[in-house]
Amino acid sequence: MAVSHDRTSLLAVGAIASGGAAIIHAAAAGAHAEHTALARVFVVLAVAQAAAAAAGLLRDDRWSRATLATVNGFAVGGWIASR
């Protein structure tokens, strides 16, 4: 089955954004090192977002799209819950 270029481009944008978010969350872990539990949450989120970004850049399938949406959806949900 052929994949449209628009869909692939959108997946790449999401993967790059997830990679950027992973970098930001990794930095936040260091900034919150005095709060061990919070720092661990940031590290786990950074690793999950980096893995989702890699999957999105390397594969163009439902699994990659679902992984990106789920991981980053949890990140947004956590941010909303913390407000």
PDB file of N, CA and C in Angstrom:
ATOM      1  N   MET A   1       0.832  -1.175   0.000  1.00  0.00           N
ATOM      2  CA  MET A   1       0.000   0.000   0.000  1.00  0.00           C
ATOM      3  C   MET A   1       0.881   1.245   0.000  1.00  0.00           C
ATOM      4  N   ALA A   2       0.620   2.148  -0.882  1.00  0.00           N
ATOM      5  CA  ALA A   2       1.407   3.367  -0.987  1.00  0.00           C
ATOM      6  C   ALA A   2       1.021   4.344   0.119  1.00  0.00           C
ATOM      7  N   VAL A   3       2.013   5.044   0.630  1.00  0.00           N
ATOM      8  CA  VAL A   3       1.784   6.034   1.673  1.00  0.00           C
ATOM      9  C   VAL A   3       1.947   7.410   1.049  1.00  0.00           C
ATOM     10  N   SER A   4       1.005   8.296   1.341  1.00  0.00           N
ATOM     11  CA  SER A   4       1.092   9.637   0.763  1.00  0.00           C
ATOM     12  C   SER A   4       2.239  10.413   1.411  1.00  0.00           C
ATOM     13  N   HIS A   5       2.798  11.346   0.666  1.00  0.00           N
ATOM     14  CA  HIS A   5       3.904  12.153   1.177  1.00  0.00           C
ATOM     15  C   HIS A   5       3.441  13.089   2.284  1.00  0.00           C
ATOM     16  N   ASP A   6       2.205  13.563   2.219  1.00  0.00           N
ATOM     17  CA  ASP A   6       1.684  14.440   3.259  1.00  0.00           C
ATOM     18  C   ASP A   6       1.647  13.724   4.605  1.00  0.00           C
ATOM     19  N   ARG A   7       1.215  12.487   4.588  1.00  0.00           N
ATOM     20  CA  ARG A   7       1.147  11.695   5.801  1.00  0.00           C
ATOM     21  C   ARG A   7       2.538  11.442   6.367  1.00  0.00           C
ATOM     22  N   THR A   8       3.477  11.131   5.504  1.00  0.00           N
ATOM     23  CA  THR A   8       4.848  10.882   5.922  1.00  0.00           C
ATOM     24  C   THR A   8       5.464  12.160   6.480  1.00  0.00           C
ATOM     25  N   SER A   9       5.208  13.286   5.843  1.00  0.00           N
ATOM     26  CA  SER A   9       5.736  14.562   6.321  1.00  0.00           C
ATOM     27  C   SER A   9       5.175  14.899   7.692  1.00  0.00           C
ATOM     28  N   LEU A  10       3.900  14.651   7.901  1.00  0.00           N
ATOM     29  CA  LEU A  10       3.273  14.918   9.190  1.00  0.00           C
ATOM     30  C   LEU A  10       3.882  14.030  10.267  1.00  0.00           C
ATOM     31  N   LEU A  11       4.133  12.790   9.947  1.00  0.00           N
ATOM     32  CA  LEU A  11       4.757  11.870  10.894  1.00  0.00           C
ATOM     33  C   LEU A  11       6.161  12.355  11.246  1.00  0.00           C
ATOM     34  N   ALA A  12       6.902  12.823  10.263  1.00  0.00           N
ATOM     35  CA  ALA A  12       8.254  13.325  10.511  1.00  0.00           C
ATOM     36  C   ALA A  12       8.216  14.562  11.405  1.00  0.00           C
ATOM     37  N   VAL A  13       7.272  15.445  11.183  1.00  0.00           N
ATOM     38  CA  VAL A  13       7.139  16.642  12.031  1.00  0.00           C
ATOM     39  C   VAL A  13       6.837  16.228  13.470  1.00  0.00           C
ATOM     40  N   GLY A  14       5.917  15.285  13.648  1.00  0.00           N
ATOM     41  CA  GLY A  14       5.605  14.795  14.987  1.00  0.00           C
ATOM     42  C   GLY A  14       6.794  14.131  15.648  1.00  0.00           C
ATOM     43  N   ALA A  15       7.553  13.367  14.889  1.00  0.00           N
ATOM     44  CA  ALA A  15       8.729  12.694  15.434  1.00  0.00           C
ATOM     45  C   ALA A  15       9.799  13.701  15.837  1.00  0.00           C
ATOM     46  N   ILE A  16      10.013  14.710  15.033  1.00  0.00           N
ATOM     47  CA  ILE A  16      11.007  15.744  15.357  1.00  0.00           C
ATOM     48  C   ILE A  16      10.569  16.529  16.592  1.00  0.00           C
ATOM     49  N   ALA A  17       9.285  16.846  16.677  1.00  0.00           N
ATOM     50  CA  ALA A  17       8.766  17.551  17.857  1.00  0.00           C
ATOM     51  C   ALA A  17       8.925  16.702  19.110  1.00  0.00           C
ATOM     52  N   SER A  18       8.675  15.412  18.988  1.00  0.00           N
ATOM     53  CA  SER A  18       8.842  14.502  20.126  1.00  0.00           C
ATOM     54  C   SER A  18      10.308  14.437  20.553  1.00  0.00           C
ATOM     55  N   GLY A  19      11.211  14.431  19.588  1.00  0.00           N
ATOM     56  CA  GLY A  19      12.637  14.452  19.909  1.00  0.00           C
ATOM     57  C   GLY A  19      13.043  15.720  20.625  1.00  0.00           C
ATOM     58  N   GLY A  20      12.504  16.845  20.181  1.00  0.00           N
ATOM     59  CA  GLY A  20      12.770  18.119  20.856  1.00  0.00           C
ATOM     60  C   GLY A  20      12.235  18.131  22.276  1.00  0.00           C
ATOM     61  N   ALA A  21      11.031  17.595  22.446  1.00  0.00           N
ATOM     62  CA  ALA A  21      10.444  17.509  23.783  1.00  0.00           C
ATOM     63  C   ALA A  21      11.273  16.602  24.685  1.00  0.00           C
ATOM     64  N   ALA A  22      11.828  15.533  24.114  1.00  0.00           N
ATOM     65  CA  ALA A  22      12.683  14.633  24.896  1.00  0.00           C
ATOM     66  C   ALA A  22      13.908  15.374  25.424  1.00  0.00           C
ATOM     67  N   ILE A  23      14.494  16.207  24.600  1.00  0.00           N
ATOM     68  CA  ILE A  23      15.664  16.992  25.020  1.00  0.00           C
ATOM     69  C   ILE A  23      15.277  17.951  26.146  1.00  0.00           C
ATOM     70  N   ILE A  24      14.141  18.601  25.998  1.00  0.00           N
ATOM     71  CA  ILE A  24      13.676  19.544  27.024  1.00  0.00           C
ATOM     72  C   ILE A  24      13.406  18.814  28.339  1.00  0.00           C
ATOM     73  N   HIS A  25      12.768  17.647  28.269  1.00  0.00           N
ATOM     74  CA  HIS A  25      12.473  16.906  29.495  1.00  0.00           C
ATOM     75  C   HIS A  25      13.737  16.346  30.141  1.00  0.00           C
ATOM     76  N   ALA A  26      14.716  15.982  29.351  1.00  0.00           N
ATOM     77  CA  ALA A  26      15.991  15.530  29.914  1.00  0.00           C
ATOM     78  C   ALA A  26      16.674  16.679  30.663  1.00  0.00           C
ATOM     79  N   ALA A  27      16.607  17.869  30.094  1.00  0.00           N
ATOM     80  CA  ALA A  27      17.173  19.039  30.775  1.00  0.00           C
ATOM     81  C   ALA A  27      16.396  19.361  32.046  1.00  0.00           C
ATOM     82  N   ALA A  28      15.079  19.195  31.995  1.00  0.00           N
ATOM     83  CA  ALA A  28      14.251  19.453  33.176  1.00  0.00           C
ATOM     84  C   ALA A  28      14.585  18.474  34.303  1.00  0.00           C
ATOM     85  N   ALA A  29      14.937  17.255  33.938  1.00  0.00           N
ATOM     86  CA  ALA A  29      15.327  16.270  34.960  1.00  0.00           C
ATOM     87  C   ALA A  29      16.546  16.762  35.723  1.00  0.00           C
ATOM     88  N   GLY A  30      17.499  17.312  35.005  1.00  0.00           N
ATOM     89  CA  GLY A  30      18.685  17.852  35.658  1.00  0.00           C
ATOM     90  C   GLY A  30      18.379  19.066  36.511  1.00  0.00           C
ATOM     91  N   ALA A  31      17.460  19.894  36.047  1.00  0.00           N
ATOM     92  CA  ALA A  31      17.090  21.097  36.788  1.00  0.00           C
ATOM     93  C   ALA A  31      16.314  20.773  38.064  1.00  0.00           C
ATOM     94  N   HIS A  32      15.674  19.606  38.094  1.00  0.00           N
ATOM     95  CA  HIS A  32      14.882  19.195  39.250  1.00  0.00           C
ATOM     96  C   HIS A  32      15.543  18.039  39.995  1.00  0.00           C
ATOM     97  N   ALA A  33      16.858  17.979  39.959  1.00  0.00           N
ATOM     98  CA  ALA A  33      17.588  16.861  40.568  1.00  0.00           C
ATOM     99  C   ALA A  33      17.351  16.755  42.071  1.00  0.00           C
ATOM    100  N   GLU A  34      17.038  17.862  42.717  1.00  0.00           N
ATOM    101  CA  GLU A  34      16.808  17.823  44.165  1.00  0.00           C
ATOM    102  C   GLU A  34      15.490  17.128  44.531  1.00  0.00           C
ATOM    103  N   HIS A  35      14.583  17.010  43.566  1.00  0.00           N
ATOM    104  CA  HIS A  35      13.314  16.303  43.754  1.00  0.00           C
ATOM    105  C   HIS A  35      13.413  14.973  42.997  1.00  0.00           C
ATOM    106  N   THR A  36      13.848  13.945  43.673  1.00  0.00           N
ATOM    107  CA  THR A  36      14.177  12.674  43.038  1.00  0.00           C
ATOM    108  C   THR A  36      13.031  12.090  42.223  1.00  0.00           C
ATOM    109  N   ALA A  37      11.842  12.053  42.790  1.00  0.00           N
ATOM    110  CA  ALA A  37      10.697  11.454  42.081  1.00  0.00           C
ATOM    111  C   ALA A  37      10.365  12.243  40.818  1.00  0.00           C
ATOM    112  N   LEU A  38      10.377  13.552  40.911  1.00  0.00           N
ATOM    113  CA  LEU A  38      10.072  14.387  39.745  1.00  0.00           C
ATOM    114  C   LEU A  38      11.148  14.226  38.673  1.00  0.00           C
ATOM    115  N   ALA A  39      12.397  14.185  39.086  1.00  0.00           N
ATOM    116  CA  ALA A  39      13.492  14.000  38.133  1.00  0.00           C
ATOM    117  C   ALA A  39      13.351  12.663  37.408  1.00  0.00           C
ATOM    118  N   ARG A  40      12.952  11.631  38.131  1.00  0.00           N
ATOM    119  CA  ARG A  40      12.764  10.312  37.501  1.00  0.00           C
ATOM    120  C   ARG A  40      11.634  10.340  36.484  1.00  0.00           C
ATOM    121  N   VAL A  41      10.563  11.033  36.808  1.00  0.00           N
ATOM    122  CA  VAL A  41       9.445  11.161  35.860  1.00  0.00           C
ATOM    123  C   VAL A  41       9.933  11.832  34.573  1.00  0.00           C
ATOM    124  N   PHE A  42      10.710  12.894  34.709  1.00  0.00           N
ATOM    125  CA  PHE A  42      11.236  13.580  33.533  1.00  0.00           C
ATOM    126  C   PHE A  42      12.168  12.685  32.723  1.00  0.00           C
ATOM    127  N   VAL A  43      12.983  11.887  33.383  1.00  0.00           N
ATOM    128  CA  VAL A  43      13.893  10.978  32.677  1.00  0.00           C
ATOM    129  C   VAL A  43      13.101   9.918  31.907  1.00  0.00           C
ATOM    130  N   VAL A  44      12.118   9.317  32.562  1.00  0.00           N
ATOM    131  CA  VAL A  44      11.292   8.295  31.902  1.00  0.00           C
ATOM    132  C   VAL A  44      10.565   8.900  30.709  1.00  0.00           C
ATOM    133  N   LEU A  45      10.005  10.095  30.884  1.00  0.00           N
ATOM    134  CA  LEU A  45       9.308  10.752  29.786  1.00  0.00           C
ATOM    135  C   LEU A  45      10.263  11.085  28.644  1.00  0.00           C
ATOM    136  N   ALA A  46      11.459  11.549  28.971  1.00  0.00           N
ATOM    137  CA  ALA A  46      12.441  11.871  27.933  1.00  0.00           C
ATOM    138  C   ALA A  46      12.828  10.632  27.126  1.00  0.00           C
ATOM    139  N   VAL A  47      13.033   9.521  27.812  1.00  0.00           N
ATOM    140  CA  VAL A  47      13.397   8.274  27.126  1.00  0.00           C
ATOM    141  C   VAL A  47      12.240   7.804  26.243  1.00  0.00           C
ATOM    142  N   ALA A  48      11.016   7.863  26.775  1.00  0.00           N
ATOM    143  CA  ALA A  48       9.845   7.437  26.000  1.00  0.00           C
ATOM    144  C   ALA A  48       9.649   8.320  24.772  1.00  0.00           C
ATOM    145  N   GLN A  49       9.811   9.622  24.931  1.00  0.00           N
ATOM    146  CA  GLN A  49       9.653  10.515  23.784  1.00  0.00           C
ATOM    147  C   GLN A  49      10.764  10.321  22.763  1.00  0.00           C
ATOM    148  N   ALA A  50      11.977  10.072  23.209  1.00  0.00           N
ATOM    149  CA  ALA A  50      13.075   9.820  22.271  1.00  0.00           C
ATOM    150  C   ALA A  50      12.838   8.527  21.499  1.00  0.00           C
ATOM    151  N   ALA A  51      12.355   7.496  22.196  1.00  0.00           N
ATOM    152  CA  ALA A  51      12.057   6.228  21.519  1.00  0.00           C
ATOM    153  C   ALA A  51      10.920   6.395  20.519  1.00  0.00           C
ATOM    154  N   ALA A  52       9.892   7.139  20.896  1.00  0.00           N
ATOM    155  CA  ALA A  52       8.773   7.394  19.982  1.00  0.00           C
ATOM    156  C   ALA A  52       9.245   8.194  18.770  1.00  0.00           C
ATOM    157  N   ALA A  53      10.134   9.151  19.001  1.00  0.00           N
ATOM    158  CA  ALA A  53      10.675   9.942  17.896  1.00  0.00           C
ATOM    159  C   ALA A  53      11.462   9.061  16.932  1.00  0.00           C
ATOM    160  N   ALA A  54      12.286   8.189  17.483  1.00  0.00           N
ATOM    161  CA  ALA A  54      13.062   7.277  16.635  1.00  0.00           C
ATOM    162  C   ALA A  54      12.138   6.374  15.832  1.00  0.00           C
ATOM    163  N   ALA A  55      11.113   5.845  16.475  1.00  0.00           N
ATOM    164  CA  ALA A  55      10.157   4.977  15.768  1.00  0.00           C
ATOM    165  C   ALA A  55       9.474   5.747  14.645  1.00  0.00           C
ATOM    166  N   GLY A  56       9.088   6.986  14.916  1.00  0.00           N
ATOM    167  CA  GLY A  56       8.420   7.793  13.899  1.00  0.00           C
ATOM    168  C   GLY A  56       9.317   8.145  12.723  1.00  0.00           C
ATOM    169  N   LEU A  57      10.600   8.315  12.994  1.00  0.00           N
ATOM    170  CA  LEU A  57      11.531   8.656  11.909  1.00  0.00           C
ATOM    171  C   LEU A  57      11.959   7.429  11.108  1.00  0.00           C
ATOM    172  N   LEU A  58      11.975   6.273  11.749  1.00  0.00           N
ATOM    173  CA  LEU A  58      12.462   5.069  11.082  1.00  0.00           C
ATOM    174  C   LEU A  58      11.380   4.250  10.400  1.00  0.00           C
ATOM    175  N   ARG A  59      10.153   4.355  10.890  1.00  0.00           N
ATOM    176  CA  ARG A  59       9.064   3.533  10.350  1.00  0.00           C
ATOM    177  C   ARG A  59       7.842   4.399  10.086  1.00  0.00           C
ATOM    178  N   ASP A  60       7.140   4.105   9.036  1.00  0.00           N
ATOM    179  CA  ASP A  60       5.901   4.812   8.726  1.00  0.00           C
ATOM    180  C   ASP A  60       4.767   3.792   8.757  1.00  0.00           C
ATOM    181  N   ASP A  61       4.282   3.538   9.959  1.00  0.00           N
ATOM    182  CA  ASP A  61       3.192   2.581  10.106  1.00  0.00           C
ATOM    183  C   ASP A  61       2.284   2.996  11.256  1.00  0.00           C
ATOM    184  N   ARG A  62       1.227   2.256  11.446  1.00  0.00           N
ATOM    185  CA  ARG A  62       0.264   2.585  12.507  1.00  0.00           C
ATOM    186  C   ARG A  62       0.898   2.559  13.887  1.00  0.00           C
ATOM    187  N   TRP A  63       1.772   1.587  14.103  1.00  0.00           N
ATOM    188  CA  TRP A  63       2.412   1.453  15.403  1.00  0.00           C
ATOM    189  C   TRP A  63       3.193   2.720  15.752  1.00  0.00           C
ATOM    190  N   SER A  64       3.943   3.255  14.802  1.00  0.00           N
ATOM    191  CA  SER A  64       4.737   4.464  15.042  1.00  0.00           C
ATOM    192  C   SER A  64       3.841   5.657  15.335  1.00  0.00           C
ATOM    193  N   ARG A  65       2.790   5.806  14.548  1.00  0.00           N
ATOM    194  CA  ARG A  65       1.867   6.921  14.772  1.00  0.00           C
ATOM    195  C   ARG A  65       1.174   6.798  16.119  1.00  0.00           C
ATOM    196  N   ALA A  66       0.750   5.591  16.465  1.00  0.00           N
ATOM    197  CA  ALA A  66       0.075   5.370  17.748  1.00  0.00           C
ATOM    198  C   ALA A  66       1.024   5.618  18.918  1.00  0.00           C
ATOM    199  N   THR A  67       2.268   5.188  18.772  1.00  0.00           N
ATOM    200  CA  THR A  67       3.261   5.395  19.825  1.00  0.00           C
ATOM    201  C   THR A  67       3.516   6.884  20.039  1.00  0.00           C
ATOM    202  N   LEU A  68       3.706   7.617  18.960  1.00  0.00           N
ATOM    203  CA  LEU A  68       3.913   9.061  19.078  1.00  0.00           C
ATOM    204  C   LEU A  68       2.726   9.737  19.744  1.00  0.00           C
ATOM    205  N   ALA A  69       1.530   9.387  19.314  1.00  0.00           N
ATOM    206  CA  ALA A  69       0.323  10.007  19.868  1.00  0.00           C
ATOM    207  C   ALA A  69       0.150   9.651  21.349  1.00  0.00           C
ATOM    208  N   THR A  70       0.386   8.410  21.702  1.00  0.00           N
ATOM    209  CA  THR A  70       0.184   7.970  23.083  1.00  0.00           C
ATOM    210  C   THR A  70       1.201   8.594  24.032  1.00  0.00           C
ATOM    211  N   VAL A  71       2.474   8.506  23.689  1.00  0.00           N
ATOM    212  CA  VAL A  71       3.522   9.034  24.565  1.00  0.00           C
ATOM    213  C   VAL A  71       3.352  10.532  24.758  1.00  0.00           C
ATOM    214  N   ASN A  72       3.149  11.250  23.677  1.00  0.00           N
ATOM    215  CA  ASN A  72       3.033  12.695  23.790  1.00  0.00           C
ATOM    216  C   ASN A  72       1.677  13.112  24.357  1.00  0.00           C
ATOM    217  N   GLY A  73       0.669  12.285  24.174  1.00  0.00           N
ATOM    218  CA  GLY A  73      -0.616  12.543  24.820  1.00  0.00           C
ATOM    219  C   GLY A  73      -0.492  12.451  26.337  1.00  0.00           C
ATOM    220  N   PHE A  74       0.252  11.443  26.821  1.00  0.00           N
ATOM    221  CA  PHE A  74       0.499  11.342  28.258  1.00  0.00           C
ATOM    222  C   PHE A  74       1.294  12.546  28.766  1.00  0.00           C
ATOM    223  N   ALA A  75       2.236  13.029  27.980  1.00  0.00           N
ATOM    224  CA  ALA A  75       3.018  14.183  28.372  1.00  0.00           C
ATOM    225  C   ALA A  75       2.127  15.415  28.524  1.00  0.00           C
ATOM    226  N   VAL A  76       1.254  15.625  27.567  1.00  0.00           N
ATOM    227  CA  VAL A  76       0.323  16.762  27.644  1.00  0.00           C
ATOM    228  C   VAL A  76      -0.632  16.579  28.815  1.00  0.00           C
ATOM    229  N   GLY A  77      -1.135  15.361  28.989  1.00  0.00           N
ATOM    230  CA  GLY A  77      -2.030  15.087  30.118  1.00  0.00           C
ATOM    231  C   GLY A  77      -1.362  15.342  31.460  1.00  0.00           C
ATOM    232  N   GLY A  78      -0.115  14.950  31.583  1.00  0.00           N
ATOM    233  CA  GLY A  78       0.626  15.204  32.820  1.00  0.00           C
ATOM    234  C   GLY A  78       0.841  16.680  33.061  1.00  0.00           C
ATOM    235  N   TRP A  79       1.108  17.397  31.989  1.00  0.00           N
ATOM    236  CA  TRP A  79       1.290  18.847  32.113  1.00  0.00           C
ATOM    237  C   TRP A  79      -0.020  19.506  32.548  1.00  0.00           C
ATOM    238  N   ILE A  80      -1.127  19.108  31.956  1.00  0.00           N
ATOM    239  CA  ILE A  80      -2.438  19.673  32.329  1.00  0.00           C
ATOM    240  C   ILE A  80      -2.762  19.335  33.778  1.00  0.00           C
ATOM    241  N   ALA A  81      -2.505  18.102  34.187  1.00  0.00           N
ATOM    242  CA  ALA A  81      -2.792  17.684  35.563  1.00  0.00           C
ATOM    243  C   ALA A  81      -1.950  18.450  36.586  1.00  0.00           C
ATOM    244  N   SER A  82      -0.787  18.901  36.186  1.00  0.00           N
ATOM    245  CA  SER A  82       0.097  19.608  37.134  1.00  0.00           C
ATOM    246  C   SER A  82      -0.278  21.077  37.302  1.00  0.00           C
ATOM    247  N   ARG A  83      -1.199  21.547  36.528  1.00  0.00           N
ATOM    248  CA  ARG A  83      -1.606  22.964  36.609  1.00  0.00           C
ATOM    249  C   ARG A  83      -2.674  23.168  37.617  1.00  0.00           C
TER     250      ARG A  83
END
